[in-house]
């Protein structure tokens, strides 16, 4: 028996910290279900040039997505009311939700902690943001490189000024 066998995680994350977190949970035996948004997939395709690839090449990229290892996935448009209901039904069967949107985004679409705890009162809701849920930088988007910059770490990388 795995450490997290019997635990279901619904994963809304898309950038490295969230998918890596849920990858580790999946590796420890959790049943992780990625909720992928077709509109976000299309945006990523344009940003990374995947929209210029053949269908077979795009399929190869998705098959090789290491952050999807040991996870199941479903494609649901979180802006669609029918999909929203399906997502809530999925969350009702989950133990954990992981998301990496800026504070308030999930609330606006009806998938924030307060909304989801009505369908699953004992839900564990993990929100991975750049600067937390409160404070002066709470609404700043970003992840690792920006966090390194804010912390001053990037000033220590590169040539020695002496």
Foldseek 3Di string as FASTA:
>chain_A
DFPAAPAEEEEAADDPPRLVVVLVVLVRHYAYEYEAEPVVVVVVCVVVVVVVDDPVVNVVVVVPPSSCPNYHYDYAHLQDPVSVVVVLVVLLSHQEYEYEAQAPPCVVSQRDPVSSCVSPVNHHYHYHALPDNDDDCSRPHDDDVVSCVVVVVVVVDDDDPD
